[in-house]
N, C-alpha and C. Protein backbone atom coordinates (compact mmCIF):
# COMPACT_ATOMS: atom_id res chain seq x y z
N UNK A 1 -43.71 -2.03 -3.33
CA UNK A 1 -42.36 -1.51 -3.08
C UNK A 1 -41.76 -2.21 -1.85
N UNK A 2 -40.55 -2.72 -2.03
CA UNK A 2 -39.92 -3.41 -0.90
C UNK A 2 -38.91 -2.50 -0.21
N UNK A 3 -38.28 -3.00 0.83
CA UNK A 3 -37.38 -2.18 1.64
C UNK A 3 -36.18 -1.71 0.81
N UNK A 4 -35.70 -2.58 -0.08
CA UNK A 4 -34.55 -2.19 -0.91
C UNK A 4 -34.91 -1.00 -1.80
N UNK A 5 -36.04 -1.06 -2.43
CA UNK A 5 -36.47 0.02 -3.32
C UNK A 5 -36.63 1.33 -2.55
N UNK A 6 -37.06 1.22 -1.29
CA UNK A 6 -37.24 2.41 -0.47
C UNK A 6 -35.89 3.00 -0.08
N UNK A 7 -34.92 2.13 0.22
CA UNK A 7 -33.64 2.58 0.75
C UNK A 7 -32.66 3.05 -0.32
N UNK A 8 -32.77 2.53 -1.53
CA UNK A 8 -31.74 2.85 -2.53
C UNK A 8 -31.90 4.25 -3.07
N UNK A 9 -30.78 4.94 -3.30
CA UNK A 9 -30.86 6.26 -3.92
C UNK A 9 -31.34 6.13 -5.37
N UNK A 10 -32.01 7.16 -5.86
CA UNK A 10 -32.46 7.13 -7.26
C UNK A 10 -31.28 6.95 -8.19
N UNK A 11 -31.46 6.11 -9.21
CA UNK A 11 -30.43 5.94 -10.21
C UNK A 11 -29.40 4.88 -9.88
N UNK A 12 -29.51 4.26 -8.70
CA UNK A 12 -28.57 3.21 -8.34
C UNK A 12 -29.25 1.85 -8.45
N UNK A 13 -28.57 0.91 -9.07
CA UNK A 13 -29.10 -0.46 -9.15
C UNK A 13 -28.57 -1.24 -7.96
N UNK A 14 -29.10 -2.42 -7.75
CA UNK A 14 -28.64 -3.29 -6.66
C UNK A 14 -27.16 -3.60 -6.87
N UNK A 15 -26.76 -3.86 -8.12
CA UNK A 15 -25.35 -4.17 -8.41
C UNK A 15 -24.45 -3.00 -8.02
N UNK A 16 -24.90 -1.78 -8.30
CA UNK A 16 -24.12 -0.59 -7.91
C UNK A 16 -23.92 -0.54 -6.40
N UNK A 17 -24.99 -0.82 -5.68
CA UNK A 17 -24.95 -0.76 -4.22
C UNK A 17 -23.99 -1.83 -3.68
N UNK A 18 -24.06 -3.04 -4.26
CA UNK A 18 -23.19 -4.12 -3.81
C UNK A 18 -21.72 -3.79 -4.11
N UNK A 19 -21.47 -3.22 -5.28
CA UNK A 19 -20.11 -2.86 -5.66
C UNK A 19 -19.55 -1.81 -4.70
N UNK A 20 -20.37 -0.81 -4.37
CA UNK A 20 -19.93 0.24 -3.45
C UNK A 20 -19.63 -0.36 -2.08
N UNK A 21 -20.47 -1.29 -1.65
CA UNK A 21 -20.27 -1.94 -0.37
C UNK A 21 -18.94 -2.71 -0.35
N UNK A 22 -18.65 -3.41 -1.44
CA UNK A 22 -17.39 -4.15 -1.55
C UNK A 22 -16.20 -3.21 -1.45
N UNK A 23 -16.27 -2.09 -2.18
CA UNK A 23 -15.18 -1.14 -2.17
C UNK A 23 -14.99 -0.53 -0.78
N UNK A 24 -16.08 -0.21 -0.11
CA UNK A 24 -16.00 0.36 1.23
C UNK A 24 -15.34 -0.62 2.19
N UNK A 25 -15.71 -1.90 2.08
CA UNK A 25 -15.12 -2.93 2.95
C UNK A 25 -13.63 -3.06 2.70
N UNK A 26 -13.23 -3.01 1.43
CA UNK A 26 -11.82 -3.14 1.07
C UNK A 26 -11.05 -1.94 1.62
N UNK A 27 -11.62 -0.74 1.50
CA UNK A 27 -10.96 0.47 2.01
C UNK A 27 -10.76 0.37 3.52
N UNK A 28 -11.79 -0.11 4.22
CA UNK A 28 -11.69 -0.24 5.67
C UNK A 28 -10.58 -1.21 6.05
N UNK A 29 -10.46 -2.32 5.29
CA UNK A 29 -9.44 -3.32 5.58
C UNK A 29 -8.05 -2.71 5.43
N UNK A 30 -7.83 -1.98 4.33
CA UNK A 30 -6.51 -1.38 4.11
C UNK A 30 -6.22 -0.29 5.12
N UNK A 31 -7.25 0.46 5.52
CA UNK A 31 -7.05 1.51 6.51
C UNK A 31 -6.63 0.87 7.84
N UNK A 32 -7.23 -0.24 8.18
CA UNK A 32 -6.89 -0.95 9.42
C UNK A 32 -5.45 -1.45 9.37
N UNK A 33 -5.06 -2.02 8.22
CA UNK A 33 -3.69 -2.53 8.07
C UNK A 33 -2.68 -1.38 8.17
N UNK A 34 -2.99 -0.25 7.53
CA UNK A 34 -2.08 0.89 7.55
C UNK A 34 -1.91 1.42 8.98
N UNK A 35 -3.00 1.45 9.72
CA UNK A 35 -2.94 1.92 11.10
C UNK A 35 -2.08 0.99 11.95
N UNK A 36 -2.23 -0.30 11.75
CA UNK A 36 -1.44 -1.28 12.50
C UNK A 36 0.05 -1.15 12.16
N UNK A 37 0.32 -0.92 10.88
CA UNK A 37 1.70 -0.76 10.44
C UNK A 37 2.34 0.49 11.06
N UNK A 38 1.56 1.58 11.05
CA UNK A 38 2.04 2.84 11.61
C UNK A 38 2.35 2.67 13.11
N UNK A 39 1.48 1.96 13.80
CA UNK A 39 1.65 1.72 15.23
C UNK A 39 2.92 0.89 15.48
N UNK A 40 3.10 -0.15 14.66
CA UNK A 40 4.29 -1.01 14.81
C UNK A 40 5.57 -0.21 14.57
N UNK A 41 5.55 0.65 13.55
CA UNK A 41 6.73 1.48 13.26
C UNK A 41 7.03 2.44 14.41
N UNK A 42 5.97 3.05 14.91
CA UNK A 42 6.13 4.00 16.02
C UNK A 42 6.73 3.29 17.23
N UNK A 43 6.23 2.10 17.54
CA UNK A 43 6.75 1.34 18.68
C UNK A 43 8.20 0.95 18.46
N UNK A 44 8.55 0.56 17.23
CA UNK A 44 9.93 0.17 16.93
C UNK A 44 10.87 1.37 17.08
N UNK A 45 10.43 2.52 16.63
CA UNK A 45 11.26 3.73 16.73
C UNK A 45 11.42 4.14 18.20
N UNK A 46 10.34 4.05 18.95
CA UNK A 46 10.40 4.39 20.37
C UNK A 46 11.34 3.45 21.12
N UNK A 47 11.33 2.18 20.75
CA UNK A 47 12.16 1.18 21.41
C UNK A 47 13.64 1.41 21.03
N UNK A 48 13.86 2.05 19.90
CA UNK A 48 15.20 2.44 19.49
C UNK A 48 16.03 1.26 19.04
């Protein structure tokens, strides 16, 4: 048994784990962009 087999939840394949990782990374990227956009809008409104 290797480290991957020990770490993976039952019923998940390596492909499932990689897919989830990709989706999580994409979500983080969009969340970061949305936060930056919100900050820029707030600053623009404050500047009037």
